[in-house]
Amino acid sequence: MAFYCGIDLHSDNHVVVIIDDEDKKVYERRLSNDLSLTLGALAPYRSDLVGVAVESTFNWYWLVDGLQAEGYPMQLVNTTAVQQYSGLKYTDDRYDAFWLAHLMRLKILPTGYIYPKEQRGLRDLLRRRTMLVQTASKQLISLQSQIWRQTGVKIPSSKLKQARFSVDLPGEMEKRAAQASLRVYRSIQAELEQMESELIKAVKPREDYQVLTSIPGVGPILGMTIALETGNIQRFAEVGDYASYCRCVKSERVSNAKKKGEGNAKSGNKYLSWAFSEAAHFAVRYEPLAKRFFERKQRKTNGIVAIRAVAHKLARAAYYMMRNNTTFDAQKLFAN
């Protein structure tokens, strides 16, 4: 007898449902988010358990990592691709968990990649850097706006970033507020410098990072982003799968050469989408063949579509570069 487990995970509890080969529930219970309780629930079925399906919610790390460490076969569910059940007036968490187990039994459960725990911390540190960069930018823009509003003078951001810059406003409270923004900005910048040093030290020996930085305009940050967000390139069977994951392909349904609708444009990795867009802008600036390709596309469409076409090209190139450990070849990519 084989068993299948579905877990509907929430912020403070999770519902565990285990079914057999005939969709009969053999276990169903809501548990607090305590790994020991989950392990206790699964233990009687362990030897015959085909898999444990957990939704890819914001807090899946502790549960999936904990169960994997105990040897359970885990499946991380792609929630955006799960086929929704129909014909039911009422559903709840218990049915959601049952549905995951049911789809697993039918072998049609859409799953995602479980990023290795030992490498995930480095990727998440890079994501935290992105958040801090955005926060620092907000502080700088706020400071610039405040000075501009009260003095009529727009100070360039390059000057605000200088270590010797100091705030001088007429009002005491206004000056206090501006100084607070400046201190926060400088504090974040100091943290970013240390963080980037640690990231580069950890990522620099990697072969995928080395080949990616051979792309014109791809420096340490973009190289790290592409390498860490991609993970193991072998998980993508085809180059088209990788380009789609990078959000570099159209999301539309076409029939008889006519557009019939659109798919989920946000399906994929937003960090890779950003990275290849940035890389495309730099490539157009620094690589003559990329610039020529961009200008040819721009004449037919517009600048936005053209830059996305360059990003698509770079994503495809990055796939083969990481898979084959080869450096960038502009002639091969943009010759046609």
C-alpha atoms as a PDB file:
ATOM      1  CA  MET A   1       0.000   0.000   0.000  1.00  0.00           C
ATOM      2  CA  ALA A   2       1.355   3.416  -1.032  1.00  0.00           C
ATOM      3  CA  PHE A   3       0.537   6.653   0.758  1.00  0.00           C
ATOM      4  CA  TYR A   4       0.579  10.259  -0.405  1.00  0.00           C
ATOM      5  CA  CYS A   5       0.788  13.314   1.846  1.00  0.00           C
ATOM      6  CA  GLY A   6      -0.355  16.869   1.199  1.00  0.00           C
ATOM      7  CA  ILE A   7       0.346  19.729   3.620  1.00  0.00           C
ATOM      8  CA  ASP A   8      -1.504  23.047   3.525  1.00  0.00           C
ATOM      9  CA  LEU A   9       0.918  25.414   5.264  1.00  0.00           C
ATOM     10  CA  HIS A  10      -0.043  28.649   7.039  1.00  0.00           C
ATOM     11  CA  SER A  11       1.800  31.198   9.171  1.00  0.00           C
ATOM     12  CA  ASP A  12       1.141  29.464  12.513  1.00  0.00           C
ATOM     13  CA  ASN A  13      -0.289  26.041  11.643  1.00  0.00           C
ATOM     14  CA  HIS A  14      -0.506  23.455   8.883  1.00  0.00           C
ATOM     15  CA  VAL A  15      -3.017  20.818   7.852  1.00  0.00           C
ATOM     16  CA  VAL A  16      -1.654  17.333   7.120  1.00  0.00           C
ATOM     17  CA  VAL A  17      -3.660  14.906   5.004  1.00  0.00           C
ATOM     18  CA  ILE A  18      -2.462  11.433   3.996  1.00  0.00           C
ATOM     19  CA  ILE A  19      -4.349   9.317   1.454  1.00  0.00           C
ATOM     20  CA  ASP A  20      -3.942   5.802   0.076  1.00  0.00           C
ATOM     21  CA  ASP A  21      -4.043   4.436  -3.486  1.00  0.00           C
ATOM     22  CA  GLU A  22      -7.823   4.835  -3.614  1.00  0.00           C
ATOM     23  CA  ASP A  23      -7.954   8.468  -2.393  1.00  0.00           C
ATOM     24  CA  LYS A  24      -9.141   7.349   1.026  1.00  0.00           C
ATOM     25  CA  LYS A  25      -7.972   9.589   3.855  1.00  0.00           C
ATOM     26  CA  VAL A  26      -5.972   7.651   6.420  1.00  0.00           C
ATOM     27  CA  TYR A  27      -4.823  10.716   8.365  1.00  0.00           C
ATOM     28  CA  GLU A  28      -6.107  14.284   8.672  1.00  0.00           C
ATOM     29  CA  ARG A  29      -5.192  16.831  11.315  1.00  0.00           C
ATOM     30  CA  ARG A  30      -4.345  20.489  11.834  1.00  0.00           C
ATOM     31  CA  LEU A  31      -1.021  20.901  13.657  1.00  0.00           C
ATOM     32  CA  SER A  32       0.893  23.829  15.098  1.00  0.00           C
ATOM     33  CA  ASN A  33       4.027  24.822  13.210  1.00  0.00           C
ATOM     34  CA  ASP A  34       6.270  22.506  15.188  1.00  0.00           C
ATOM     35  CA  LEU A  35       8.462  20.090  13.216  1.00  0.00           C
ATOM     36  CA  SER A  36       8.308  17.431  15.935  1.00  0.00           C
ATOM     37  CA  LEU A  37       4.510  17.257  15.580  1.00  0.00           C
ATOM     38  CA  THR A  38       4.782  16.824  11.816  1.00  0.00           C
ATOM     39  CA  LEU A  39       7.390  14.096  12.143  1.00  0.00           C
ATOM     40  CA  GLY A  40       5.197  12.311  14.661  1.00  0.00           C
ATOM     41  CA  ALA A  41       2.228  12.423  12.289  1.00  0.00           C
ATOM     42  CA  LEU A  42       4.200  11.044   9.330  1.00  0.00           C
ATOM     43  CA  ALA A  43       6.179   8.385  11.215  1.00  0.00           C
ATOM     44  CA  PRO A  44       3.595   5.538  11.019  1.00  0.00           C
ATOM     45  CA  TYR A  45       3.430   5.877   7.205  1.00  0.00           C
ATOM     46  CA  ARG A  46       7.089   6.587   6.523  1.00  0.00           C
ATOM     47  CA  SER A  47       8.091   3.330   4.836  1.00  0.00           C
ATOM     48  CA  ASP A  48       5.254   3.504   2.293  1.00  0.00           C
ATOM     49  CA  LEU A  49       5.111   7.268   1.777  1.00  0.00           C
ATOM     50  CA  VAL A  50       5.610   8.160  -1.905  1.00  0.00           C
ATOM     51  CA  GLY A  51       6.047  11.850  -1.232  1.00  0.00           C
ATOM     52  CA  VAL A  52       5.135  14.876   0.849  1.00  0.00           C
ATOM     53  CA  ALA A  53       3.753  17.902  -1.012  1.00  0.00           C
ATOM     54  CA  VAL A  54       4.118  21.348   0.566  1.00  0.00           C
ATOM     55  CA  GLU A  55       2.900  24.581  -0.981  1.00  0.00           C
ATOM     56  CA  SER A  56       5.550  27.153  -1.852  1.00  0.00           C
ATOM     57  CA  THR A  57       4.399  29.706   0.709  1.00  0.00           C
ATOM     58  CA  PHE A  58       6.554  32.450   2.250  1.00  0.00           C
ATOM     59  CA  ASN A  59       7.555  30.213   5.191  1.00  0.00           C
ATOM     60  CA  TRP A  60       8.221  26.809   3.624  1.00  0.00           C
ATOM     61  CA  TYR A  61      11.939  26.654   4.494  1.00  0.00           C
ATOM     62  CA  TRP A  62      11.634  25.246   8.027  1.00  0.00           C
ATOM     63  CA  LEU A  63       9.175  22.523   7.064  1.00  0.00           C
ATOM     64  CA  VAL A  64      10.728  21.329   3.807  1.00  0.00           C
ATOM     65  CA  ASP A  65      14.286  21.486   5.159  1.00  0.00           C
ATOM     66  CA  GLY A  66      13.287  19.690   8.348  1.00  0.00           C
ATOM     67  CA  LEU A  67      11.491  16.872   6.556  1.00  0.00           C
ATOM     68  CA  GLN A  68      14.245  16.516   3.960  1.00  0.00           C
ATOM     69  CA  ALA A  69      16.810  16.221   6.736  1.00  0.00           C
ATOM     70  CA  GLU A  70      14.806  13.276   8.086  1.00  0.00           C
ATOM     71  CA  GLY A  71      14.837  11.585   4.675  1.00  0.00           C
ATOM     72  CA  TYR A  72      11.284  12.265   3.505  1.00  0.00           C
ATOM     73  CA  PRO A  73      10.774  12.636  -0.282  1.00  0.00           C
ATOM     74  CA  MET A  74       9.646  16.247  -0.658  1.00  0.00           C
ATOM     75  CA  GLN A  75       7.761  18.007  -3.445  1.00  0.00           C
ATOM     76  CA  LEU A  76       7.530  21.815  -3.388  1.00  0.00           C
ATOM     77  CA  VAL A  77       4.247  22.754  -5.054  1.00  0.00           C
ATOM     78  CA  ASN A  78       4.117  25.464  -7.717  1.00  0.00           C
ATOM     79  CA  THR A  79       0.956  27.142  -6.419  1.00  0.00           C
ATOM     80  CA  THR A  80       0.400  29.260  -9.540  1.00  0.00           C
ATOM     81  CA  ALA A  81       0.272  26.167 -11.750  1.00  0.00           C
ATOM     82  CA  VAL A  82      -1.928  23.924  -9.611  1.00  0.00           C
ATOM     83  CA  GLN A  83      -5.107  22.888 -11.388  1.00  0.00           C
ATOM     84  CA  GLN A  84      -8.036  24.190  -9.375  1.00  0.00           C
ATOM     85  CA  TYR A  85     -10.818  21.837  -8.398  1.00  0.00           C
ATOM     86  CA  SER A  86     -14.290  22.704  -9.643  1.00  0.00           C
ATOM     87  CA  GLY A  87     -17.864  21.762  -8.910  1.00  0.00           C
ATOM     88  CA  LEU A  88     -17.560  22.257  -5.145  1.00  0.00           C
ATOM     89  CA  LYS A  89     -19.496  24.870  -3.207  1.00  0.00           C
ATOM     90  CA  TYR A  90     -17.268  24.746  -0.163  1.00  0.00           C
ATOM     91  CA  THR A  91     -13.583  24.023   0.285  1.00  0.00           C
ATOM     92  CA  ASP A  92     -11.259  24.497   3.238  1.00  0.00           C
ATOM     93  CA  ASP A  93      -7.692  23.810   4.343  1.00  0.00           C
ATOM     94  CA  ARG A  94      -8.359  20.102   4.740  1.00  0.00           C
ATOM     95  CA  TYR A  95      -9.553  19.825   1.165  1.00  0.00           C
ATOM     96  CA  ASP A  96      -6.603  21.912  -0.066  1.00  0.00           C
ATOM     97  CA  ALA A  97      -4.183  19.463   1.552  1.00  0.00           C
ATOM     98  CA  PHE A  98      -6.161  16.487   0.203  1.00  0.00           C
ATOM     99  CA  TRP A  99      -6.087  17.992  -3.295  1.00  0.00           C
ATOM    100  CA  LEU A 100      -2.278  18.204  -3.259  1.00  0.00           C
ATOM    101  CA  ALA A 101      -2.014  14.561  -2.229  1.00  0.00           C
ATOM    102  CA  HIS A 102      -4.594  13.600  -4.868  1.00  0.00           C
ATOM    103  CA  LEU A 103      -2.687  15.350  -7.675  1.00  0.00           C
ATOM    104  CA  MET A 104       0.516  13.692  -6.509  1.00  0.00           C
ATOM    105  CA  ARG A 105      -1.166  10.292  -6.683  1.00  0.00           C
ATOM    106  CA  LEU A 106      -2.244  11.058 -10.267  1.00  0.00           C
ATOM    107  CA  LYS A 107       1.310  12.239 -11.067  1.00  0.00           C
ATOM    108  CA  ILE A 108       0.086  15.641 -12.294  1.00  0.00           C
ATOM    109  CA  LEU A 109       1.193  17.792  -9.353  1.00  0.00           C
ATOM    110  CA  PRO A 110       3.142  20.836 -10.650  1.00  0.00           C
ATOM    111  CA  THR A 111       6.266  21.223  -8.564  1.00  0.00           C
ATOM    112  CA  GLY A 112       9.059  23.757  -8.217  1.00  0.00           C
ATOM    113  CA  TYR A 113      12.778  23.605  -7.549  1.00  0.00           C
ATOM    114  CA  ILE A 114      13.916  23.140  -3.960  1.00  0.00           C
ATOM    115  CA  TYR A 115      16.982  25.340  -3.830  1.00  0.00           C
ATOM    116  CA  PRO A 116      19.709  23.516  -1.843  1.00  0.00           C
ATOM    117  CA  LYS A 117      19.745  24.660   1.773  1.00  0.00           C
ATOM    118  CA  GLU A 118      23.530  25.020   1.918  1.00  0.00           C
ATOM    119  CA  GLN A 119      23.473  27.514  -0.996  1.00  0.00           C
ATOM    120  CA  ARG A 120      20.190  29.276  -0.245  1.00  0.00           C
ATOM    121  CA  GLY A 121      21.650  31.576   2.394  1.00  0.00           C
ATOM    122  CA  LEU A 122      24.007  33.159  -0.149  1.00  0.00           C
ATOM    123  CA  ARG A 123      21.193  33.776  -2.620  1.00  0.00           C
ATOM    124  CA  ASP A 124      18.950  35.232   0.091  1.00  0.00           C
ATOM    125  CA  LEU A 125      21.775  37.514   1.250  1.00  0.00           C
ATOM    126  CA  LEU A 126      21.993  38.902  -2.282  1.00  0.00           C
ATOM    127  CA  ARG A 127      18.220  39.447  -2.283  1.00  0.00           C
ATOM    128  CA  ARG A 128      18.528  41.312   1.008  1.00  0.00           C
ATOM    129  CA  ARG A 129      21.146  43.523  -0.628  1.00  0.00           C
ATOM    130  CA  THR A 130      18.560  44.445  -3.278  1.00  0.00           C
ATOM    131  CA  MET A 131      16.107  45.475  -0.559  1.00  0.00           C
ATOM    132  CA  LEU A 132      18.752  47.624   1.137  1.00  0.00           C
ATOM    133  CA  VAL A 133      19.691  49.295  -2.159  1.00  0.00           C
ATOM    134  CA  GLN A 134      16.044  50.230  -2.678  1.00  0.00           C
ATOM    135  CA  THR A 135      15.798  51.601   0.878  1.00  0.00           C
ATOM    136  CA  ALA A 136      18.984  53.639   0.433  1.00  0.00           C
ATOM    137  CA  SER A 137      17.664  55.072  -2.839  1.00  0.00           C
ATOM    138  CA  LYS A 138      14.431  56.145  -1.137  1.00  0.00           C
ATOM    139  CA  GLN A 139      16.385  57.941   1.571  1.00  0.00           C
ATOM    140  CA  LEU A 140      18.531  59.734  -1.006  1.00  0.00           C
ATOM    141  CA  ILE A 141      15.529  60.805  -3.092  1.00  0.00           C
ATOM    142  CA  SER A 142      13.699  61.975   0.042  1.00  0.00           C
ATOM    143  CA  LEU A 143      16.707  64.044   1.113  1.00  0.00           C
ATOM    144  CA  GLN A 144      17.113  65.552  -2.342  1.00  0.00           C
ATOM    145  CA  SER A 145      13.407  66.449  -2.502  1.00  0.00           C
ATOM    146  CA  GLN A 146      13.416  68.045   0.941  1.00  0.00           C
ATOM    147  CA  ILE A 147      16.391  70.293   0.148  1.00  0.00           C
ATOM    148  CA  TRP A 148      14.904  71.173  -3.229  1.00  0.00           C
ATOM    149  CA  ARG A 149      11.530  71.970  -1.676  1.00  0.00           C
ATOM    150  CA  GLN A 150      12.932  74.262   1.007  1.00  0.00           C
ATOM    151  CA  THR A 151      15.763  75.980  -0.846  1.00  0.00           C
ATOM    152  CA  GLY A 152      14.710  75.835  -4.498  1.00  0.00           C
ATOM    153  CA  VAL A 153      18.043  74.191  -5.324  1.00  0.00           C
ATOM    154  CA  LYS A 154      18.271  70.662  -6.719  1.00  0.00           C
ATOM    155  CA  ILE A 155      21.474  69.063  -5.521  1.00  0.00           C
ATOM    156  CA  PRO A 156      22.746  66.210  -7.730  1.00  0.00           C
ATOM    157  CA  SER A 157      22.639  62.790  -6.093  1.00  0.00           C
ATOM    158  CA  SER A 158      26.350  62.399  -6.813  1.00  0.00           C
ATOM    159  CA  LYS A 159      27.036  65.321  -4.480  1.00  0.00           C
ATOM    160  CA  LEU A 160      24.699  63.971  -1.789  1.00  0.00           C
ATOM    161  CA  LYS A 161      26.680  60.729  -1.814  1.00  0.00           C
ATOM    162  CA  GLN A 162      29.968  62.446  -1.059  1.00  0.00           C
ATOM    163  CA  ALA A 163      31.370  61.844   2.428  1.00  0.00           C
ATOM    164  CA  ARG A 164      32.020  65.542   2.998  1.00  0.00           C
ATOM    165  CA  PHE A 165      28.449  66.618   2.197  1.00  0.00           C
ATOM    166  CA  SER A 166      26.544  68.150   5.121  1.00  0.00           C
ATOM    167  CA  VAL A 167      22.963  69.358   5.418  1.00  0.00           C
ATOM    168  CA  ASP A 168      22.327  73.070   5.947  1.00  0.00           C
ATOM    169  CA  LEU A 169      18.648  74.069   6.074  1.00  0.00           C
ATOM    170  CA  PRO A 170      17.032  77.158   7.643  1.00  0.00           C
ATOM    171  CA  GLY A 171      14.642  75.385  10.036  1.00  0.00           C
ATOM    172  CA  GLU A 172      15.966  73.346  12.966  1.00  0.00           C
ATOM    173  CA  MET A 173      13.376  70.571  12.635  1.00  0.00           C
ATOM    174  CA  GLU A 174      13.779  70.473   8.852  1.00  0.00           C
ATOM    175  CA  LYS A 175      17.532  70.178   9.276  1.00  0.00           C
ATOM    176  CA  ARG A 176      17.048  67.396  11.811  1.00  0.00           C
ATOM    177  CA  ALA A 177      14.830  65.417   9.422  1.00  0.00           C
ATOM    178  CA  ALA A 178      17.297  65.791   6.545  1.00  0.00           C
ATOM    179  CA  GLN A 179      20.211  64.707   8.726  1.00  0.00           C
ATOM    180  CA  ALA A 180      18.275  61.589   9.748  1.00  0.00           C
ATOM    181  CA  SER A 181      17.820  60.607   6.090  1.00  0.00           C
ATOM    182  CA  LEU A 182      21.497  61.204   5.406  1.00  0.00           C
ATOM    183  CA  ARG A 183      22.613  59.102   8.383  1.00  0.00           C
ATOM    184  CA  VAL A 184      20.324  56.236   7.384  1.00  0.00           C
ATOM    185  CA  TYR A 185      21.655  56.375   3.817  1.00  0.00           C
ATOM    186  CA  ARG A 186      25.278  56.292   4.943  1.00  0.00           C
ATOM    187  CA  SER A 187      24.615  53.505   7.406  1.00  0.00           C
ATOM    188  CA  ILE A 188      23.028  51.377   4.666  1.00  0.00           C
ATOM    189  CA  GLN A 189      25.921  52.119   2.301  1.00  0.00           C
ATOM    190  CA  ALA A 190      28.416  50.906   4.897  1.00  0.00           C
ATOM    191  CA  GLU A 191      26.412  47.709   5.339  1.00  0.00           C
ATOM    192  CA  LEU A 192      26.207  47.229   1.566  1.00  0.00           C
ATOM    193  CA  GLU A 193      29.969  47.529   1.143  1.00  0.00           C
ATOM    194  CA  GLN A 194      30.590  44.818   3.725  1.00  0.00           C
ATOM    195  CA  MET A 195      27.835  42.620   2.309  1.00  0.00           C
ATOM    196  CA  GLU A 196      29.108  42.909  -1.266  1.00  0.00           C
ATOM    197  CA  SER A 197      32.639  42.054  -0.145  1.00  0.00           C
ATOM    198  CA  GLU A 198      31.396  38.861   1.511  1.00  0.00           C
ATOM    199  CA  LEU A 199      29.259  37.922  -1.498  1.00  0.00           C
ATOM    200  CA  ILE A 200      32.052  38.382  -4.021  1.00  0.00           C
ATOM    201  CA  LYS A 201      34.455  36.390  -1.864  1.00  0.00           C
ATOM    202  CA  ALA A 202      31.981  33.485  -1.748  1.00  0.00           C
ATOM    203  CA  VAL A 203      30.856  33.564  -5.390  1.00  0.00           C
ATOM    204  CA  LYS A 204      34.073  34.471  -7.230  1.00  0.00           C
ATOM    205  CA  PRO A 205      35.494  30.897  -7.303  1.00  0.00           C
ATOM    206  CA  ARG A 206      32.362  29.563  -9.016  1.00  0.00           C
ATOM    207  CA  GLU A 207      32.747  28.669 -12.697  1.00  0.00           C
ATOM    208  CA  ASP A 208      29.276  29.927 -13.632  1.00  0.00           C
ATOM    209  CA  TYR A 209      30.065  33.345 -12.165  1.00  0.00           C
ATOM    210  CA  GLN A 210      33.358  33.527 -14.036  1.00  0.00           C
ATOM    211  CA  VAL A 211      31.824  32.821 -17.441  1.00  0.00           C
ATOM    212  CA  LEU A 212      28.878  35.178 -16.850  1.00  0.00           C
ATOM    213  CA  THR A 213      31.137  38.146 -16.122  1.00  0.00           C
ATOM    214  CA  SER A 214      32.642  37.715 -19.588  1.00  0.00           C
ATOM    215  CA  ILE A 215      29.434  39.245 -20.991  1.00  0.00           C
ATOM    216  CA  PRO A 216      30.111  42.939 -21.788  1.00  0.00           C
ATOM    217  CA  GLY A 217      28.637  45.084 -19.015  1.00  0.00           C
ATOM    218  CA  VAL A 218      27.943  42.206 -16.616  1.00  0.00           C
ATOM    219  CA  GLY A 219      29.865  43.038 -13.479  1.00  0.00           C
ATOM    220  CA  PRO A 220      29.954  41.453 -10.021  1.00  0.00           C
ATOM    221  CA  ILE A 221      26.357  42.237  -8.978  1.00  0.00           C
ATOM    222  CA  LEU A 222      24.671  41.101 -12.196  1.00  0.00           C
ATOM    223  CA  GLY A 223      26.982  38.091 -12.433  1.00  0.00           C
ATOM    224  CA  MET A 224      26.159  37.049  -8.866  1.00  0.00           C
ATOM    225  CA  THR A 225      22.440  37.604  -9.387  1.00  0.00           C
ATOM    226  CA  ILE A 226      22.285  35.445 -12.514  1.00  0.00           C
ATOM    227  CA  ALA A 227      24.456  32.687 -11.038  1.00  0.00           C
ATOM    228  CA  LEU A 228      22.726  32.472  -7.654  1.00  0.00           C
ATOM    229  CA  GLU A 229      19.159  32.873  -8.908  1.00  0.00           C
ATOM    230  CA  THR A 230      19.725  30.252 -11.603  1.00  0.00           C
ATOM    231  CA  GLY A 231      21.176  27.655  -9.272  1.00  0.00           C
ATOM    232  CA  ASN A 232      21.977  24.381 -11.003  1.00  0.00           C
ATOM    233  CA  ILE A 233      21.590  25.045 -14.735  1.00  0.00           C
ATOM    234  CA  GLN A 234      21.045  21.324 -15.340  1.00  0.00           C
ATOM    235  CA  ARG A 235      17.557  21.635 -13.867  1.00  0.00           C
ATOM    236  CA  PHE A 236      16.479  23.319 -17.111  1.00  0.00           C
ATOM    237  CA  ALA A 237      16.111  20.686 -19.820  1.00  0.00           C
ATOM    238  CA  GLU A 238      16.008  23.167 -22.709  1.00  0.00           C
ATOM    239  CA  VAL A 239      17.169  26.708 -23.330  1.00  0.00           C
ATOM    240  CA  GLY A 240      13.551  27.765 -23.839  1.00  0.00           C
ATOM    241  CA  ASP A 241      12.702  26.591 -20.324  1.00  0.00           C
ATOM    242  CA  TYR A 242      15.421  28.824 -18.924  1.00  0.00           C
ATOM    243  CA  ALA A 243      14.412  31.840 -21.012  1.00  0.00           C
ATOM    244  CA  SER A 244      10.827  31.406 -19.841  1.00  0.00           C
ATOM    245  CA  TYR A 245      11.950  31.185 -16.216  1.00  0.00           C
ATOM    246  CA  CYS A 246      13.814  34.465 -16.729  1.00  0.00           C
ATOM    247  CA  ARG A 247      10.571  36.062 -18.004  1.00  0.00           C
ATOM    248  CA  CYS A 248      12.239  36.758 -21.340  1.00  0.00           C
ATOM    249  CA  VAL A 249       9.538  35.241 -23.546  1.00  0.00           C
ATOM    250  CA  LYS A 250       6.045  36.420 -24.419  1.00  0.00           C
ATOM    251  CA  SER A 251       3.180  35.235 -22.263  1.00  0.00           C
ATOM    252  CA  GLU A 252       0.356  34.767 -24.725  1.00  0.00           C
ATOM    253  CA  ARG A 253      -1.846  32.141 -26.322  1.00  0.00           C
ATOM    254  CA  VAL A 254      -2.027  32.107 -30.132  1.00  0.00           C
ATOM    255  CA  SER A 255      -4.372  30.150 -32.389  1.00  0.00           C
ATOM    256  CA  ASN A 256      -4.459  30.375 -36.179  1.00  0.00           C
ATOM    257  CA  ALA A 257      -1.947  33.240 -36.022  1.00  0.00           C
ATOM    258  CA  LYS A 258      -4.319  35.228 -33.795  1.00  0.00           C
ATOM    259  CA  LYS A 259      -3.818  36.189 -30.170  1.00  0.00           C
ATOM    260  CA  LYS A 260      -6.406  34.430 -28.012  1.00  0.00           C
ATOM    261  CA  GLY A 261      -5.291  35.517 -24.567  1.00  0.00           C
ATOM    262  CA  GLU A 262      -2.385  35.768 -22.204  1.00  0.00           C
ATOM    263  CA  GLY A 263      -0.811  33.505 -19.630  1.00  0.00           C
ATOM    264  CA  ASN A 264       0.720  34.460 -16.313  1.00  0.00           C
ATOM    265  CA  ALA A 265       3.309  37.098 -17.229  1.00  0.00           C
ATOM    266  CA  LYS A 266       4.706  37.024 -13.682  1.00  0.00           C
ATOM    267  CA  SER A 267       5.473  33.316 -13.802  1.00  0.00           C
ATOM    268  CA  GLY A 268       9.217  32.949 -13.405  1.00  0.00           C
ATOM    269  CA  ASN A 269      12.011  34.640 -11.503  1.00  0.00           C
ATOM    270  CA  LYS A 270      11.704  38.438 -11.127  1.00  0.00           C
ATOM    271  CA  TYR A 271      15.352  38.798 -10.102  1.00  0.00           C
ATOM    272  CA  LEU A 272      16.585  37.144 -13.295  1.00  0.00           C
ATOM    273  CA  SER A 273      14.169  39.254 -15.321  1.00  0.00           C
ATOM    274  CA  TRP A 274      15.704  42.389 -13.810  1.00  0.00           C
ATOM    275  CA  ALA A 275      19.261  41.117 -14.211  1.00  0.00           C
ATOM    276  CA  PHE A 276      18.942  40.338 -17.907  1.00  0.00           C
ATOM    277  CA  SER A 277      17.175  43.647 -18.580  1.00  0.00           C
ATOM    278  CA  GLU A 278      20.063  45.472 -16.924  1.00  0.00           C
ATOM    279  CA  ALA A 279      22.562  43.313 -18.804  1.00  0.00           C
ATOM    280  CA  ALA A 280      20.786  44.161 -22.075  1.00  0.00           C
ATOM    281  CA  HIS A 281      21.140  47.906 -21.474  1.00  0.00           C
ATOM    282  CA  PHE A 282      24.849  47.510 -20.755  1.00  0.00           C
ATOM    283  CA  ALA A 283      25.377  45.201 -23.743  1.00  0.00           C
ATOM    284  CA  VAL A 284      23.796  47.742 -26.091  1.00  0.00           C
ATOM    285  CA  ARG A 285      26.150  50.360 -24.669  1.00  0.00           C
ATOM    286  CA  TYR A 286      29.384  48.341 -24.725  1.00  0.00           C
ATOM    287  CA  GLU A 287      28.983  45.674 -27.435  1.00  0.00           C
ATOM    288  CA  PRO A 288      28.750  46.971 -31.063  1.00  0.00           C
ATOM    289  CA  LEU A 289      27.012  43.849 -32.366  1.00  0.00           C
ATOM    290  CA  ALA A 290      24.394  44.063 -29.591  1.00  0.00           C
ATOM    291  CA  LYS A 291      23.840  47.741 -30.391  1.00  0.00           C
ATOM    292  CA  ARG A 292      23.338  46.929 -34.063  1.00  0.00           C
ATOM    293  CA  PHE A 293      20.854  44.174 -33.219  1.00  0.00           C
ATOM    294  CA  PHE A 294      18.988  46.537 -30.875  1.00  0.00           C
ATOM    295  CA  GLU A 295      18.759  49.317 -33.471  1.00  0.00           C
ATOM    296  CA  ARG A 296      17.477  46.902 -36.097  1.00  0.00           C
ATOM    297  CA  LYS A 297      14.754  45.675 -33.730  1.00  0.00           C
ATOM    298  CA  GLN A 298      13.919  49.206 -32.606  1.00  0.00           C
ATOM    299  CA  ARG A 299      13.213  50.322 -36.148  1.00  0.00           C
ATOM    300  CA  LYS A 300      10.621  47.556 -36.477  1.00  0.00           C
ATOM    301  CA  THR A 301       9.010  47.875 -33.042  1.00  0.00           C
ATOM    302  CA  ASN A 302      10.045  50.206 -30.209  1.00  0.00           C
ATOM    303  CA  GLY A 303      12.798  50.595 -27.636  1.00  0.00           C
ATOM    304  CA  ILE A 304      11.130  48.528 -24.904  1.00  0.00           C
ATOM    305  CA  VAL A 305      10.478  45.551 -27.161  1.00  0.00           C
ATOM    306  CA  ALA A 306      13.961  45.837 -28.641  1.00  0.00           C
ATOM    307  CA  ILE A 307      15.725  45.832 -25.264  1.00  0.00           C
ATOM    308  CA  ARG A 308      13.678  42.815 -24.181  1.00  0.00           C
ATOM    309  CA  ALA A 309      14.781  41.061 -27.379  1.00  0.00           C
ATOM    310  CA  VAL A 310      18.404  41.703 -26.384  1.00  0.00           C
ATOM    311  CA  ALA A 311      17.636  40.400 -22.870  1.00  0.00           C
ATOM    312  CA  HIS A 312      16.162  37.231 -24.418  1.00  0.00           C
ATOM    313  CA  LYS A 313      19.298  36.764 -26.484  1.00  0.00           C
ATOM    314  CA  LEU A 314      21.520  37.168 -23.410  1.00  0.00           C
ATOM    315  CA  ALA A 315      19.423  34.733 -21.361  1.00  0.00           C
ATOM    316  CA  ARG A 316      19.816  32.092 -24.058  1.00  0.00           C
ATOM    317  CA  ALA A 317      23.548  32.775 -24.259  1.00  0.00           C
ATOM    318  CA  ALA A 318      23.885  32.550 -20.466  1.00  0.00           C
ATOM    319  CA  TYR A 319      22.173  29.156 -20.498  1.00  0.00           C
ATOM    320  CA  TYR A 320      24.736  27.650 -22.865  1.00  0.00           C
ATOM    321  CA  MET A 321      27.637  29.453 -21.187  1.00  0.00           C
ATOM    322  CA  MET A 322      26.755  28.020 -17.768  1.00  0.00           C
ATOM    323  CA  ARG A 323      25.915  24.587 -19.135  1.00  0.00           C
ATOM    324  CA  ASN A 324      29.075  24.253 -21.265  1.00  0.00           C
ATOM    325  CA  ASN A 325      31.377  26.478 -19.164  1.00  0.00           C
ATOM    326  CA  THR A 326      32.243  28.715 -22.127  1.00  0.00           C
ATOM    327  CA  THR A 327      32.817  32.462 -22.309  1.00  0.00           C
ATOM    328  CA  PHE A 328      30.664  34.991 -24.161  1.00  0.00           C
ATOM    329  CA  ASP A 329      30.855  35.107 -27.964  1.00  0.00           C
ATOM    330  CA  ALA A 330      29.108  38.184 -29.400  1.00  0.00           C
ATOM    331  CA  GLN A 331      29.722  37.089 -32.976  1.00  0.00           C
ATOM    332  CA  LYS A 332      27.885  33.836 -32.444  1.00  0.00           C
ATOM    333  CA  LEU A 333      24.991  35.507 -30.593  1.00  0.00           C
ATOM    334  CA  PHE A 334      24.330  38.601 -32.696  1.00  0.00           C
ATOM    335  CA  ALA A 335      25.777  37.718 -36.117  1.00  0.00           C
ATOM    336  CA  ASN A 336      22.414  36.864 -37.668  1.00  0.00           C
END
